[in-house]
Amino acid sequence: MIITLGLLSGLLTTCAWLPQLLRTWRRGRADDISYTYLAVFAAGVLGWLAYGLLAEQPAVFAANVVTFTLIAALTLLKTRPRRRPDQPRR
């Protein structure tokens, strides 16, 4: 029961990033998200990932692997915009 609660909670908090990632993908840029925020959040996620590994908590570990992957994708989209900010959206 506790592992199920952890997995469900991890799924919900991780999936909360999908709308931001999809919005960024559609817009082709992430100029409204600061690098400082992404760096601090990623550091915290890596800390939780390490905690989940060291404490042998599979739900914490799994959720943070996925969250870190989404944050890395968002950071990549921010560093390599697909479209100029002044270019109109189609």
C-alpha atoms as a PDB file:
ATOM      1  CA  MET A   1       0.000   0.000   0.000  1.00  0.00           C
ATOM      2  CA  ILE A   2       2.797   2.456   0.864  1.00  0.00           C
ATOM      3  CA  ILE A   3       4.660   1.746  -2.385  1.00  0.00           C
ATOM      4  CA  THR A   4       1.440   2.230  -4.361  1.00  0.00           C
ATOM      5  CA  LEU A   5       0.878   5.586  -2.656  1.00  0.00           C
ATOM      6  CA  GLY A   6       4.453   6.609  -3.453  1.00  0.00           C
ATOM      7  CA  LEU A   7       4.151   5.549  -7.089  1.00  0.00           C
ATOM      8  CA  LEU A   8       0.824   7.346  -7.510  1.00  0.00           C
ATOM      9  CA  SER A   9       2.170  10.512  -5.881  1.00  0.00           C
ATOM     10  CA  GLY A  10       5.293  10.382  -8.031  1.00  0.00           C
ATOM     11  CA  LEU A  11       3.193   9.863 -11.148  1.00  0.00           C
ATOM     12  CA  LEU A  12       1.016  12.881 -10.365  1.00  0.00           C
ATOM     13  CA  THR A  13       3.858  15.268  -9.539  1.00  0.00           C
ATOM     14  CA  THR A  14       5.896  14.101 -12.517  1.00  0.00           C
ATOM     15  CA  CYS A  15       2.976  14.355 -14.938  1.00  0.00           C
ATOM     16  CA  ALA A  16       2.470  17.938 -13.766  1.00  0.00           C
ATOM     17  CA  TRP A  17       5.491  18.797 -15.941  1.00  0.00           C
ATOM     18  CA  LEU A  18       3.957  17.467 -19.155  1.00  0.00           C
ATOM     19  CA  PRO A  19       1.759  20.526 -19.887  1.00  0.00           C
ATOM     20  CA  GLN A  20       4.788  22.839 -19.522  1.00  0.00           C
ATOM     21  CA  LEU A  21       6.922  20.620 -21.722  1.00  0.00           C
ATOM     22  CA  LEU A  22       4.197  20.369 -24.394  1.00  0.00           C
ATOM     23  CA  ARG A  23       3.599  24.138 -24.296  1.00  0.00           C
ATOM     24  CA  THR A  24       7.309  24.764 -24.717  1.00  0.00           C
ATOM     25  CA  TRP A  25       7.494  22.274 -27.571  1.00  0.00           C
ATOM     26  CA  ARG A  26       4.546  23.887 -29.385  1.00  0.00           C
ATOM     27  CA  ARG A  27       5.890  27.428 -28.895  1.00  0.00           C
ATOM     28  CA  GLY A  28       9.401  26.391 -29.855  1.00  0.00           C
ATOM     29  CA  ARG A  29      10.959  28.321 -26.980  1.00  0.00           C
ATOM     30  CA  ALA A  30      11.053  28.561 -23.185  1.00  0.00           C
ATOM     31  CA  ASP A  31      12.066  32.143 -22.587  1.00  0.00           C
ATOM     32  CA  ASP A  32       9.575  32.469 -19.717  1.00  0.00           C
ATOM     33  CA  ILE A  33      11.406  29.840 -17.617  1.00  0.00           C
ATOM     34  CA  SER A  34      14.611  30.948 -15.894  1.00  0.00           C
ATOM     35  CA  TYR A  35      17.839  28.974 -15.997  1.00  0.00           C
ATOM     36  CA  THR A  36      18.211  29.512 -12.254  1.00  0.00           C
ATOM     37  CA  TYR A  37      14.861  27.854 -11.603  1.00  0.00           C
ATOM     38  CA  LEU A  38      15.723  24.890 -13.823  1.00  0.00           C
ATOM     39  CA  ALA A  39      19.162  24.467 -12.221  1.00  0.00           C
ATOM     40  CA  VAL A  40      17.905  24.649  -8.635  1.00  0.00           C
ATOM     41  CA  PHE A  41      14.958  22.369  -9.345  1.00  0.00           C
ATOM     42  CA  ALA A  42      17.169  19.848 -11.180  1.00  0.00           C
ATOM     43  CA  ALA A  43      19.607  19.834  -8.246  1.00  0.00           C
ATOM     44  CA  GLY A  44      16.740  19.105  -5.864  1.00  0.00           C
ATOM     45  CA  VAL A  45      15.442  16.331  -8.090  1.00  0.00           C
ATOM     46  CA  LEU A  46      18.920  14.799  -8.273  1.00  0.00           C
ATOM     47  CA  GLY A  47      19.047  14.912  -4.463  1.00  0.00           C
ATOM     48  CA  TRP A  48      15.731  13.070  -4.228  1.00  0.00           C
ATOM     49  CA  LEU A  49      16.908  10.622  -6.867  1.00  0.00           C
ATOM     50  CA  ALA A  50      20.017   9.865  -4.798  1.00  0.00           C
ATOM     51  CA  TYR A  51      17.896   9.566  -1.654  1.00  0.00           C
ATOM     52  CA  GLY A  52      15.560   7.106  -3.373  1.00  0.00           C
ATOM     53  CA  LEU A  53      18.534   5.027  -4.491  1.00  0.00           C
ATOM     54  CA  LEU A  54      20.363   5.083  -1.152  1.00  0.00           C
ATOM     55  CA  ALA A  55      17.225   4.532   0.938  1.00  0.00           C
ATOM     56  CA  GLU A  56      16.078   1.789  -1.450  1.00  0.00           C
ATOM     57  CA  GLN A  57      12.800   3.560  -2.145  1.00  0.00           C
ATOM     58  CA  PRO A  58      11.828   2.517  -5.686  1.00  0.00           C
ATOM     59  CA  ALA A  59       8.893   4.934  -5.944  1.00  0.00           C
ATOM     60  CA  VAL A  60      11.028   7.954  -5.025  1.00  0.00           C
ATOM     61  CA  PHE A  61      13.812   6.837  -7.343  1.00  0.00           C
ATOM     62  CA  ALA A  62      11.542   6.113 -10.331  1.00  0.00           C
ATOM     63  CA  ALA A  63       9.546   9.335 -10.042  1.00  0.00           C
ATOM     64  CA  ASN A  64      12.685  11.429  -9.879  1.00  0.00           C
ATOM     65  CA  VAL A  65      14.342   9.686 -12.822  1.00  0.00           C
ATOM     66  CA  VAL A  66      11.327  10.603 -14.954  1.00  0.00           C
ATOM     67  CA  THR A  67      11.107  14.131 -13.509  1.00  0.00           C
ATOM     68  CA  PHE A  68      14.798  14.750 -14.153  1.00  0.00           C
ATOM     69  CA  THR A  69      14.376  13.517 -17.726  1.00  0.00           C
ATOM     70  CA  LEU A  70      11.504  15.963 -18.281  1.00  0.00           C
ATOM     71  CA  ILE A  71      13.487  18.828 -16.750  1.00  0.00           C
ATOM     72  CA  ALA A  72      16.473  17.940 -18.951  1.00  0.00           C
ATOM     73  CA  ALA A  73      14.210  17.982 -22.028  1.00  0.00           C
ATOM     74  CA  LEU A  74      12.799  21.354 -21.004  1.00  0.00           C
ATOM     75  CA  THR A  75      16.306  22.717 -20.488  1.00  0.00           C
ATOM     76  CA  LEU A  76      17.338  21.422 -23.911  1.00  0.00           C
ATOM     77  CA  LEU A  77      14.347  23.132 -25.505  1.00  0.00           C
ATOM     78  CA  LYS A  78      15.289  26.337 -23.697  1.00  0.00           C
ATOM     79  CA  THR A  79      18.917  26.246 -24.826  1.00  0.00           C
ATOM     80  CA  ARG A  80      18.060  25.342 -28.415  1.00  0.00           C
ATOM     81  CA  PRO A  81      14.896  27.159 -29.470  1.00  0.00           C
ATOM     82  CA  ARG A  82      13.303  25.850 -32.634  1.00  0.00           C
ATOM     83  CA  ARG A  83      11.973  29.247 -33.674  1.00  0.00           C
ATOM     84  CA  ARG A  84      12.993  32.842 -33.158  1.00  0.00           C
ATOM     85  CA  PRO A  85      11.002  34.530 -30.349  1.00  0.00           C
ATOM     86  CA  ASP A  86       9.704  37.217 -32.755  1.00  0.00           C
ATOM     87  CA  GLN A  87       8.564  34.693 -35.347  1.00  0.00           C
ATOM     88  CA  PRO A  88       4.756  34.333 -35.319  1.00  0.00           C
ATOM     89  CA  ARG A  89       3.154  31.062 -34.330  1.00  0.00           C
ATOM     90  CA  ARG A  90       1.442  29.168 -37.139  1.00  0.00           C
END
